[in-house]
C-alpha atoms as a PDB file:
ATOM      1  CA  MET A   1      11.078  -9.861 -11.446  1.00  0.00           C
ATOM      2  CA  TYR A   2      11.921  -6.378 -10.205  1.00  0.00           C
ATOM      3  CA  SER A   3      14.849  -5.674 -12.435  1.00  0.00           C
ATOM      4  CA  ARG A   4      13.154  -2.650 -13.944  1.00  0.00           C
ATOM      5  CA  THR A   5      12.776  -1.033 -10.673  1.00  0.00           C
ATOM      6  CA  ASP A   6      16.141  -1.705  -9.390  1.00  0.00           C
ATOM      7  CA  ALA A   7      17.656   1.238 -11.112  1.00  0.00           C
ATOM      8  CA  ILE A   8      16.875   4.594 -12.534  1.00  0.00           C
ATOM      9  CA  GLU A   9      18.153   6.537 -15.496  1.00  0.00           C
ATOM     10  CA  LEU A  10      18.561  10.351 -14.919  1.00  0.00           C
ATOM     11  CA  PRO A  11      17.555  12.894 -17.387  1.00  0.00           C
ATOM     12  CA  GLY A  12      20.573  14.422 -19.139  1.00  0.00           C
ATOM     13  CA  GLU A  13      20.168  17.843 -17.323  1.00  0.00           C
ATOM     14  CA  LEU A  14      20.737  15.991 -13.841  1.00  0.00           C
ATOM     15  CA  LEU A  15      23.626  13.972 -14.701  1.00  0.00           C
ATOM     16  CA  HIS A  16      26.036  16.644 -13.224  1.00  0.00           C
ATOM     17  CA  LEU A  17      24.539  15.907  -9.747  1.00  0.00           C
ATOM     18  CA  VAL A  18      25.649  12.301  -9.870  1.00  0.00           C
ATOM     19  CA  PRO A  19      28.337  11.573  -7.215  1.00  0.00           C
ATOM     20  CA  LYS A  20      31.841  11.103  -8.634  1.00  0.00           C
ATOM     21  CA  GLY A  21      32.492   7.572  -9.890  1.00  0.00           C
ATOM     22  CA  ALA A  22      29.014   6.401 -10.274  1.00  0.00           C
ATOM     23  CA  ARG A  23      28.082   4.974 -13.533  1.00  0.00           C
ATOM     24  CA  PRO A  24      24.902   4.346 -15.253  1.00  0.00           C
ATOM     25  CA  PRO A  25      22.241   2.955 -14.557  1.00  0.00           C
ATOM     26  CA  PHE A  26      22.834   4.328 -11.042  1.00  0.00           C
ATOM     27  CA  THR A  27      21.560   1.497  -9.128  1.00  0.00           C
ATOM     28  CA  ASP A  28      19.776   2.452  -5.874  1.00  0.00           C
ATOM     29  CA  ILE A  29      21.044   6.036  -6.305  1.00  0.00           C
ATOM     30  CA  ARG A  30      17.923   7.276  -4.569  1.00  0.00           C
ATOM     31  CA  ARG A  31      18.586   5.543  -1.329  1.00  0.00           C
ATOM     32  CA  ALA A  32      22.213   6.865  -1.515  1.00  0.00           C
ATOM     33  CA  TRP A  33      20.947  10.375  -1.754  1.00  0.00           C
ATOM     34  CA  SER A  34      18.230  10.004   0.836  1.00  0.00           C
ATOM     35  CA  GLY A  35      20.199  12.021   3.437  1.00  0.00           C
ATOM     36  CA  ASN A  36      20.334  15.277   1.358  1.00  0.00           C
ATOM     37  CA  PRO A  37      16.790  16.694   0.879  1.00  0.00           C
ATOM     38  CA  VAL A  38      17.791  18.495  -2.491  1.00  0.00           C
ATOM     39  CA  LEU A  39      19.298  15.393  -3.986  1.00  0.00           C
ATOM     40  CA  ALA A  40      16.614  13.125  -2.704  1.00  0.00           C
ATOM     41  CA  ALA A  41      14.048  15.379  -4.282  1.00  0.00           C
ATOM     42  CA  VAL A  42      16.045  15.226  -7.754  1.00  0.00           C
ATOM     43  CA  ALA A  43      16.283  11.457  -7.455  1.00  0.00           C
ATOM     44  CA  GLU A  44      12.525  11.080  -6.867  1.00  0.00           C
ATOM     45  CA  ARG A  45      11.854  13.429  -9.874  1.00  0.00           C
ATOM     46  CA  ALA A  46      14.033  11.054 -11.934  1.00  0.00           C
ATOM     47  CA  TRP A  47      12.309   8.004 -10.578  1.00  0.00           C
ATOM     48  CA  ILE A  48       8.946   9.553 -11.515  1.00  0.00           C
ATOM     49  CA  HIS A  49      10.296  10.365 -14.915  1.00  0.00           C
ATOM     50  CA  ARG A  50      11.408   6.703 -15.493  1.00  0.00           C
ATOM     51  CA  ARG A  51       8.172   5.398 -14.131  1.00  0.00           C
ATOM     52  CA  THR A  52       6.307   7.614 -16.665  1.00  0.00           C
ATOM     53  CA  ILE A  53       8.259   6.060 -19.494  1.00  0.00           C
ATOM     54  CA  TRP A  54       7.661   2.486 -18.353  1.00  0.00           C
ATOM     55  CA  LEU A  55       3.961   2.896 -17.836  1.00  0.00           C
ATOM     56  CA  GLY A  56       3.358   5.489 -20.504  1.00  0.00           C
ATOM     57  CA  THR A  57       1.950   8.863 -20.082  1.00  0.00           C
ATOM     58  CA  ASN A  58      -1.536   7.961 -20.180  1.00  0.00           C
ATOM     59  CA  GLN A  59      -1.426   5.101 -17.615  1.00  0.00           C
ATOM     60  CA  MET A  60       0.498   7.416 -15.306  1.00  0.00           C
ATOM     61  CA  GLY A  61      -2.158   9.960 -15.719  1.00  0.00           C
ATOM     62  CA  GLN A  62      -4.752   7.220 -14.940  1.00  0.00           C
ATOM     63  CA  VAL A  63      -2.995   6.301 -11.739  1.00  0.00           C
ATOM     64  CA  GLU A  64      -2.896   9.939 -10.602  1.00  0.00           C
ATOM     65  CA  THR A  65      -6.395  10.561 -11.270  1.00  0.00           C
ATOM     66  CA  PHE A  66      -7.429   7.158  -9.504  1.00  0.00           C
ATOM     67  CA  VAL A  67      -5.660   8.544  -6.412  1.00  0.00           C
ATOM     68  CA  GLU A  68      -7.199  11.969  -6.612  1.00  0.00           C
ATOM     69  CA  ARG A  69     -10.712  10.370  -6.946  1.00  0.00           C
ATOM     70  CA  ILE A  70     -10.271   8.494  -3.878  1.00  0.00           C
ATOM     71  CA  ALA A  71      -9.101  11.627  -2.132  1.00  0.00           C
ATOM     72  CA  ALA A  72     -12.321  13.360  -3.272  1.00  0.00           C
ATOM     73  CA  VAL A  73     -14.674  11.090  -1.360  1.00  0.00           C
ATOM     74  CA  LYS A  74     -16.197  12.564   1.591  1.00  0.00           C
ATOM     75  CA  LEU A  75     -18.724  10.550   3.718  1.00  0.00           C
ATOM     76  CA  GLU A  76     -20.270  11.028   7.177  1.00  0.00           C
ATOM     77  CA  ASN A  77     -18.281   9.224   9.925  1.00  0.00           C
ATOM     78  CA  CYS A  78     -15.571   8.279   7.611  1.00  0.00           C
ATOM     79  CA  PHE A  79     -12.035   9.443   7.759  1.00  0.00           C
ATOM     80  CA  ASN A  80     -10.349   9.972   4.349  1.00  0.00           C
ATOM     81  CA  PRO A  81      -6.496   9.703   4.870  1.00  0.00           C
ATOM     82  CA  TYR A  82      -5.792  11.193   1.479  1.00  0.00           C
ATOM     83  CA  ALA A  83      -7.738  14.424   2.053  1.00  0.00           C
ATOM     84  CA  ASP A  84      -8.384  14.623   5.982  1.00  0.00           C
ATOM     85  CA  THR A  85      -5.940  15.529   8.642  1.00  0.00           C
ATOM     86  CA  CYS A  86      -6.069  14.140  12.298  1.00  0.00           C
ATOM     87  CA  GLU A  87      -5.664  17.032  14.595  1.00  0.00           C
ATOM     88  CA  ILE A  88      -4.217  14.654  17.294  1.00  0.00           C
ATOM     89  CA  PHE A  89      -1.536  12.657  15.422  1.00  0.00           C
ATOM     90  CA  ASP A  90      -1.054  13.864  11.824  1.00  0.00           C
ATOM     91  CA  ARG A  91       1.645  16.079  10.426  1.00  0.00           C
ATOM     92  CA  ARG A  92       0.569  19.187   8.520  1.00  0.00           C
ATOM     93  CA  SER A  93       1.209  17.524   5.120  1.00  0.00           C
ATOM     94  CA  ALA A  94      -0.166  14.148   6.039  1.00  0.00           C
ATOM     95  CA  PRO A  95      -2.943  13.854   3.331  1.00  0.00           C
ATOM     96  CA  LEU A  96      -0.368  14.795   0.745  1.00  0.00           C
ATOM     97  CA  ILE A  97       2.250  12.229   2.162  1.00  0.00           C
ATOM     98  CA  ARG A  98      -0.359   9.434   2.006  1.00  0.00           C
ATOM     99  CA  ARG A  99      -1.362  10.296  -1.566  1.00  0.00           C
ATOM    100  CA  GLN A 100       2.308  10.072  -2.579  1.00  0.00           C
ATOM    101  CA  ASN A 101       2.800   6.752  -0.931  1.00  0.00           C
ATOM    102  CA  LEU A 102      -0.038   5.332  -2.645  1.00  0.00           C
ATOM    103  CA  LEU A 103       0.930   6.711  -5.918  1.00  0.00           C
ATOM    104  CA  ARG A 104       4.630   5.203  -5.479  1.00  0.00           C
ATOM    105  CA  ILE A 105       3.009   1.837  -4.716  1.00  0.00           C
ATOM    106  CA  LEU A 106       0.650   1.697  -7.715  1.00  0.00           C
ATOM    107  CA  CYS A 107       3.398   3.017  -9.966  1.00  0.00           C
ATOM    108  CA  ALA A 108       5.614   0.173  -8.709  1.00  0.00           C
ATOM    109  CA  LEU A 109       2.927  -2.327  -9.245  1.00  0.00           C
ATOM    110  CA  GLY A 110       2.326  -0.957 -12.727  1.00  0.00           C
ATOM    111  CA  ALA A 111       5.652  -2.014 -13.935  1.00  0.00           C
ATOM    112  CA  ALA A 112       5.239  -5.609 -12.570  1.00  0.00           C
ATOM    113  CA  GLY A 113       4.520  -8.586 -14.981  1.00  0.00           C
ATOM    114  CA  GLU A 114       1.688  -9.849 -12.618  1.00  0.00           C
ATOM    115  CA  ILE A 115       0.623  -9.196  -9.077  1.00  0.00           C
ATOM    116  CA  ASP A 116      -1.413 -10.665  -6.297  1.00  0.00           C
ATOM    117  CA  VAL A 117      -4.128  -8.524  -4.485  1.00  0.00           C
ATOM    118  CA  TRP A 118      -4.872  -8.951  -0.865  1.00  0.00           C
ATOM    119  CA  VAL A 119      -8.152  -7.621   0.182  1.00  0.00           C
ATOM    120  CA  GLY A 120      -9.381  -6.660   3.735  1.00  0.00           C
ATOM    121  CA  ARG A 121     -12.429  -5.000   4.939  1.00  0.00           C
ATOM    122  CA  ASP A 122     -11.721  -1.313   6.012  1.00  0.00           C
ATOM    123  CA  LEU A 123      -8.979   0.904   7.267  1.00  0.00           C
ATOM    124  CA  GLY A 124      -8.438   0.786  11.090  1.00  0.00           C
ATOM    125  CA  TYR A 125      -7.525   3.510  13.296  1.00  0.00           C
ATOM    126  CA  ARG A 126      -4.233   1.961  14.285  1.00  0.00           C
ATOM    127  CA  GLY A 127      -3.330   0.957  10.686  1.00  0.00           C
ATOM    128  CA  GLY A 128      -4.628   2.380   7.532  1.00  0.00           C
ATOM    129  CA  ARG A 129      -6.109   5.619   9.122  1.00  0.00           C
ATOM    130  CA  ARG A 130      -2.411   6.676   9.760  1.00  0.00           C
ATOM    131  CA  THR A 131      -0.674   5.073   6.735  1.00  0.00           C
ATOM    132  CA  GLY A 132      -3.329   5.431   4.008  1.00  0.00           C
ATOM    133  CA  LEU A 133      -2.439   1.809   3.115  1.00  0.00           C
ATOM    134  CA  ALA A 134      -4.625  -1.217   3.643  1.00  0.00           C
ATOM    135  CA  LEU A 135      -3.433  -3.937   6.149  1.00  0.00           C
ATOM    136  CA  THR A 136      -0.409  -1.826   6.760  1.00  0.00           C
ATOM    137  CA  ASP A 137       0.725  -0.218  10.005  1.00  0.00           C
ATOM    138  CA  GLU A 138       3.593   2.335  10.603  1.00  0.00           C
ATOM    139  CA  HIS A 139       6.113  -0.501  11.427  1.00  0.00           C
ATOM    140  CA  SER A 140       5.315  -2.074   8.012  1.00  0.00           C
ATOM    141  CA  LEU A 141       5.976   0.818   5.833  1.00  0.00           C
ATOM    142  CA  GLU A 142       9.801   0.143   5.173  1.00  0.00           C
ATOM    143  CA  LEU A 143       8.911  -3.492   4.763  1.00  0.00           C
ATOM    144  CA  TYR A 144       6.404  -2.777   1.921  1.00  0.00           C
ATOM    145  CA  ALA A 145       8.801  -0.280   0.250  1.00  0.00           C
ATOM    146  CA  PHE A 146      11.532  -2.853   0.354  1.00  0.00           C
ATOM    147  CA  HIS A 147       9.048  -5.571  -1.077  1.00  0.00           C
ATOM    148  CA  LEU A 148       8.105  -3.258  -4.018  1.00  0.00           C
ATOM    149  CA  LYS A 149      11.666  -1.744  -4.462  1.00  0.00           C
ATOM    150  CA  VAL A 150      10.186   1.726  -3.802  1.00  0.00           C
ATOM    151  CA  PHE A 151      12.517   4.336  -2.584  1.00  0.00           C
ATOM    152  CA  SER A 152      10.642   5.023   0.564  1.00  0.00           C
ATOM    153  CA  LEU A 153       7.168   5.278   2.147  1.00  0.00           C
ATOM    154  CA  GLU A 154       6.925   8.266   4.483  1.00  0.00           C
ATOM    155  CA  ARG A 155       5.304   8.411   7.763  1.00  0.00           C
ATOM    156  CA  SER A 156       2.536  11.100   7.912  1.00  0.00           C
ATOM    157  CA  THR A 157       2.247  11.087  11.752  1.00  0.00           C
ATOM    158  CA  HIS A 158       3.935  12.577  14.781  1.00  0.00           C
ATOM    159  CA  GLY A 159       5.118  10.542  17.826  1.00  0.00           C
ATOM    160  CA  PRO A 160       6.270   6.818  18.136  1.00  0.00           C
ATOM    161  CA  PRO A 161       5.021   4.461  15.423  1.00  0.00           C
ATOM    162  CA  VAL A 162       1.955   2.475  16.228  1.00  0.00           C
ATOM    163  CA  LYS A 163       1.606  -1.218  15.759  1.00  0.00           C
ATOM    164  CA  GLU A 164      -1.324  -3.297  14.630  1.00  0.00           C
ATOM    165  CA  ARG A 165      -1.624  -6.922  15.130  1.00  0.00           C
ATOM    166  CA  THR A 166      -3.453  -7.625  11.852  1.00  0.00           C
ATOM    167  CA  ALA A 167      -0.541  -5.877   9.935  1.00  0.00           C
ATOM    168  CA  ALA A 168       2.017  -7.840  11.759  1.00  0.00           C
ATOM    169  CA  SER A 169       0.473 -11.041  10.591  1.00  0.00           C
ATOM    170  CA  VAL A 170       0.027  -9.841   6.988  1.00  0.00           C
ATOM    171  CA  TYR A 171       3.706  -8.648   6.803  1.00  0.00           C
ATOM    172  CA  ARG A 172       4.988 -11.827   8.266  1.00  0.00           C
ATOM    173  CA  VAL A 173       3.600 -13.419   4.989  1.00  0.00           C
ATOM    174  CA  LEU A 174       4.305 -10.478   2.563  1.00  0.00           C
ATOM    175  CA  THR A 175       7.903 -10.258   3.206  1.00  0.00           C
ATOM    176  CA  ALA A 176       8.202 -14.060   2.290  1.00  0.00           C
ATOM    177  CA  VAL A 177       6.538 -14.170  -0.977  1.00  0.00           C
ATOM    178  CA  ASN A 178       8.186 -13.446  -4.341  1.00  0.00           C
ATOM    179  CA  ILE A 179       5.411 -11.732  -6.338  1.00  0.00           C
ATOM    180  CA  PRO A 180       4.438  -8.134  -5.878  1.00  0.00           C
ATOM    181  CA  ILE A 181       1.483  -7.674  -3.661  1.00  0.00           C
ATOM    182  CA  LEU A 182      -1.108  -4.900  -3.599  1.00  0.00           C
ATOM    183  CA  THR A 183      -2.773  -4.500  -0.134  1.00  0.00           C
ATOM    184  CA  TRP A 184      -6.240  -3.044  -0.539  1.00  0.00           C
ATOM    185  CA  ASN A 185      -9.580  -3.040   1.292  1.00  0.00           C
ATOM    186  CA  VAL A 186     -13.232  -3.412   0.322  1.00  0.00           C
ATOM    187  CA  PHE A 187     -13.849   0.144   1.380  1.00  0.00           C
ATOM    188  CA  PRO A 188     -10.723   2.295   1.159  1.00  0.00           C
ATOM    189  CA  LEU A 189     -11.345   4.830   3.942  1.00  0.00           C
ATOM    190  CA  HIS A 190     -11.637   4.470   7.769  1.00  0.00           C
ATOM    191  CA  PRO A 191     -15.245   4.278   8.998  1.00  0.00           C
ATOM    192  CA  HIS A 192     -15.683   4.971  12.679  1.00  0.00           C
ATOM    193  CA  GLU A 193     -18.517   5.360  15.061  1.00  0.00           C
ATOM    194  CA  SER A 194     -20.264   8.682  15.246  1.00  0.00           C
ATOM    195  CA  GLY A 195     -18.327  11.011  17.644  1.00  0.00           C
ATOM    196  CA  LYS A 196     -15.461   8.543  18.158  1.00  0.00           C
ATOM    197  CA  PRO A 197     -12.773   8.985  15.519  1.00  0.00           C
ATOM    198  CA  MET A 198     -10.521   6.510  17.025  1.00  0.00           C
ATOM    199  CA  SER A 199     -13.006   3.704  16.725  1.00  0.00           C
ATOM    200  CA  ASN A 200     -13.482   1.067  14.059  1.00  0.00           C
ATOM    201  CA  ARG A 201     -16.811   0.031  12.639  1.00  0.00           C
ATOM    202  CA  GLN A 202     -17.817  -2.045   9.648  1.00  0.00           C
ATOM    203  CA  HIS A 203     -18.590  -0.275   6.305  1.00  0.00           C
ATOM    204  CA  THR A 204     -22.293   0.125   5.358  1.00  0.00           C
ATOM    205  CA  ARG A 205     -23.763  -1.416   2.211  1.00  0.00           C
ATOM    206  CA  SER A 206     -23.576   2.020   0.269  1.00  0.00           C
ATOM    207  CA  GLU A 207     -19.914   2.427   1.397  1.00  0.00           C
ATOM    208  CA  ALA A 208     -18.998  -1.182   0.302  1.00  0.00           C
ATOM    209  CA  GLU A 209     -20.594  -0.530  -3.106  1.00  0.00           C
ATOM    210  CA  LEU A 210     -18.673   2.659  -3.467  1.00  0.00           C
ATOM    211  CA  GLY A 211     -15.475   1.059  -2.278  1.00  0.00           C
ATOM    212  CA  PHE A 212     -16.019  -1.980  -4.707  1.00  0.00           C
ATOM    213  CA  SER A 213     -16.026   0.357  -7.667  1.00  0.00           C
ATOM    214  CA  PHE A 214     -12.281   1.262  -6.757  1.00  0.00           C
ATOM    215  CA  LEU A 215     -11.436  -2.348  -6.354  1.00  0.00           C
ATOM    216  CA  GLU A 216     -12.805  -3.446  -9.608  1.00  0.00           C
ATOM    217  CA  GLU A 217     -11.094  -0.630 -11.333  1.00  0.00           C
ATOM    218  CA  LEU A 218      -7.648  -1.758  -9.841  1.00  0.00           C
ATOM    219  CA  CYS A 219      -8.361  -5.347 -10.804  1.00  0.00           C
ATOM    220  CA  THR A 220      -9.018  -4.570 -14.381  1.00  0.00           C
ATOM    221  CA  SER A 221      -6.115  -2.209 -14.761  1.00  0.00           C
ATOM    222  CA  PHE A 222      -3.376  -4.343 -13.128  1.00  0.00           C
ATOM    223  CA  PRO A 223      -2.253  -7.842 -14.215  1.00  0.00           C
ATOM    224  CA  VAL A 224      -3.802  -9.713 -11.224  1.00  0.00           C
ATOM    225  CA  ARG A 225      -2.880 -13.420 -10.784  1.00  0.00           C
ATOM    226  CA  ASN A 226      -4.757 -14.224  -7.517  1.00  0.00           C
ATOM    227  CA  LEU A 227      -7.299 -12.042  -5.616  1.00  0.00           C
ATOM    228  CA  ILE A 228      -7.064 -13.187  -1.971  1.00  0.00           C
ATOM    229  CA  ALA A 229      -9.844 -12.016   0.518  1.00  0.00           C
ATOM    230  CA  ILE A 230      -8.649 -11.902   3.974  1.00  0.00           C
ATOM    231  CA  GLY A 231     -11.703 -12.599   5.924  1.00  0.00           C
ATOM    232  CA  ASN A 232     -15.320 -13.399   5.120  1.00  0.00           C
ATOM    233  CA  ASP A 233     -16.600  -9.941   4.879  1.00  0.00           C
ATOM    234  CA  ALA A 234     -14.028  -9.230   2.198  1.00  0.00           C
ATOM    235  CA  ALA A 235     -14.819 -12.383   0.202  1.00  0.00           C
ATOM    236  CA  VAL A 236     -18.471 -11.326  -0.139  1.00  0.00           C
ATOM    237  CA  TRP A 237     -17.236  -8.577  -2.546  1.00  0.00           C
ATOM    238  CA  THR A 238     -14.068 -10.146  -4.124  1.00  0.00           C
ATOM    239  CA  GLN A 239     -16.185 -12.978  -5.164  1.00  0.00           C
ATOM    240  CA  ARG A 240     -17.996 -10.565  -7.590  1.00  0.00           C
ATOM    241  CA  LEU A 241     -14.721 -10.171  -9.719  1.00  0.00           C
ATOM    242  CA  ALA A 242     -14.108 -12.780 -12.537  1.00  0.00           C
ATOM    243  CA  LEU A 243     -10.421 -13.515 -11.213  1.00  0.00           C
ATOM    244  CA  ARG A 244      -9.039 -16.513  -9.363  1.00  0.00           C
ATOM    245  CA  ASN A 245     -10.651 -15.967  -5.921  1.00  0.00           C
ATOM    246  CA  LEU A 246      -9.194 -17.211  -2.822  1.00  0.00           C
ATOM    247  CA  CYS A 247     -10.335 -16.558   0.844  1.00  0.00           C
ATOM    248  CA  VAL A 248      -8.339 -17.002   4.158  1.00  0.00           C
ATOM    249  CA  ARG A 249      -9.054 -16.710   7.618  1.00  0.00           C
ATOM    250  CA  HIS A 250      -8.708 -13.207   9.023  1.00  0.00           C
ATOM    251  CA  PRO A 251      -5.709 -13.267  11.578  1.00  0.00           C
ATOM    252  CA  SER A 252      -7.674 -11.145  14.294  1.00  0.00           C
ATOM    253  CA  TYR A 253      -9.587 -12.561  17.169  1.00  0.00           C
ATOM    254  CA  GLY A 254      -7.457 -15.766  17.353  1.00  0.00           C
ATOM    255  CA  GLY A 255      -7.174 -16.601  13.634  1.00  0.00           C
ATOM    256  CA  GLN A 256      -3.544 -15.913  13.413  1.00  0.00           C
ATOM    257  CA  THR A 257      -2.460 -19.458  13.293  1.00  0.00           C
ATOM    258  CA  ILE A 258      -5.010 -20.516  10.694  1.00  0.00           C
ATOM    259  CA  PHE A 259      -4.293 -17.499   8.417  1.00  0.00           C
ATOM    260  CA  LEU A 260      -0.658 -18.162   8.374  1.00  0.00           C
ATOM    261  CA  LYS A 261      -1.287 -21.901   7.669  1.00  0.00           C
ATOM    262  CA  GLN A 262      -3.634 -21.122   4.725  1.00  0.00           C
ATOM    263  CA  MET A 263      -1.130 -18.548   3.275  1.00  0.00           C
ATOM    264  CA  ASN A 264       1.463 -21.233   3.605  1.00  0.00           C
ATOM    265  CA  GLU A 265      -0.479 -23.374   1.502  1.00  0.00           C
ATOM    266  CA  ILE A 266      -1.187 -20.763  -1.286  1.00  0.00           C
ATOM    267  CA  TYR A 267       2.384 -19.571  -1.437  1.00  0.00           C
ATOM    268  CA  GLY A 268       4.387 -22.747  -0.538  1.00  0.00           C
ATOM    269  CA  GLN A 269       6.403 -20.707   1.916  1.00  0.00           C
ATOM    270  CA  ARG A 270       7.269 -21.790   5.412  1.00  0.00           C
ATOM    271  CA  ILE A 271       6.060 -18.773   7.552  1.00  0.00           C
ATOM    272  CA  GLU A 272       6.282 -19.113  11.289  1.00  0.00           C
ATOM    273  CA  SER A 273       3.539 -18.109  13.604  1.00  0.00           C
ATOM    274  CA  TYR A 274       4.012 -14.868  15.854  1.00  0.00           C
ATOM    275  CA  GLY A 275       3.361 -15.014  19.382  1.00  0.00           C
ATOM    276  CA  GLN A 276       0.032 -13.784  20.585  1.00  0.00           C
ATOM    277  CA  GLY A 277       1.424 -10.492  22.219  1.00  0.00           C
ATOM    278  CA  GLY A 278       1.393  -7.119  20.691  1.00  0.00           C
ATOM    279  CA  ALA A 279      -1.231  -4.463  19.999  1.00  0.00           C
ATOM    280  CA  ILE A 280      -4.514  -5.333  18.064  1.00  0.00           C
END
């Protein structure tokens, strides 16, 4: 399924940088060069070059424009991880890192024959606010990169990585399925209480309507097989789309066991339940 993303082909002017003995198509060369910043940058350029060929210049431009349009959204009491910088935890280049991560993911999914989309409600302060990725905490970044055969998904924060219990449950399933998964939210930003940036609140109706326009665009641009709402709040919006809609219990607040059971039934995988410890 991922054969097109397992290897890259370097433009002719970069061939002299290939390690001695390596032969086309230079399988996993990006990871082999990851320890050298210069070579890693060259490999990343080659990967983007190859992606542009697969997706087509127009579609590649559409993906970049999509990410930039989300980055341009500014709303009161909302943190936009693609444009805003957290003064406490973020690295200086955090918004750029998160935009690049999202671009890599969308490019990888654009090369897939079909995908499933898992939809949550909003970004949370322990997960998506830091990573810019729905249902994904910092401990899950490399798992998502491996799942999509992406070179890497970079952390955008200082200090030790932060865990989120919802992300832990989600990635217990994601790492066991054999179809590419896009994790998304009804509202793609982090809504918080006024004056409390490290809090979570549910999106407003107007925020959800704005967020739904992005979800709808994704679902009409990618070959979506299943649209799975994680929780009833997400299902209110996913059911508006003319796709095969499924809804599972959200894993938070004691719903982990039911969530895993329902995902087992959908994917036919044996996914063991986590213990109940860990960060929320």
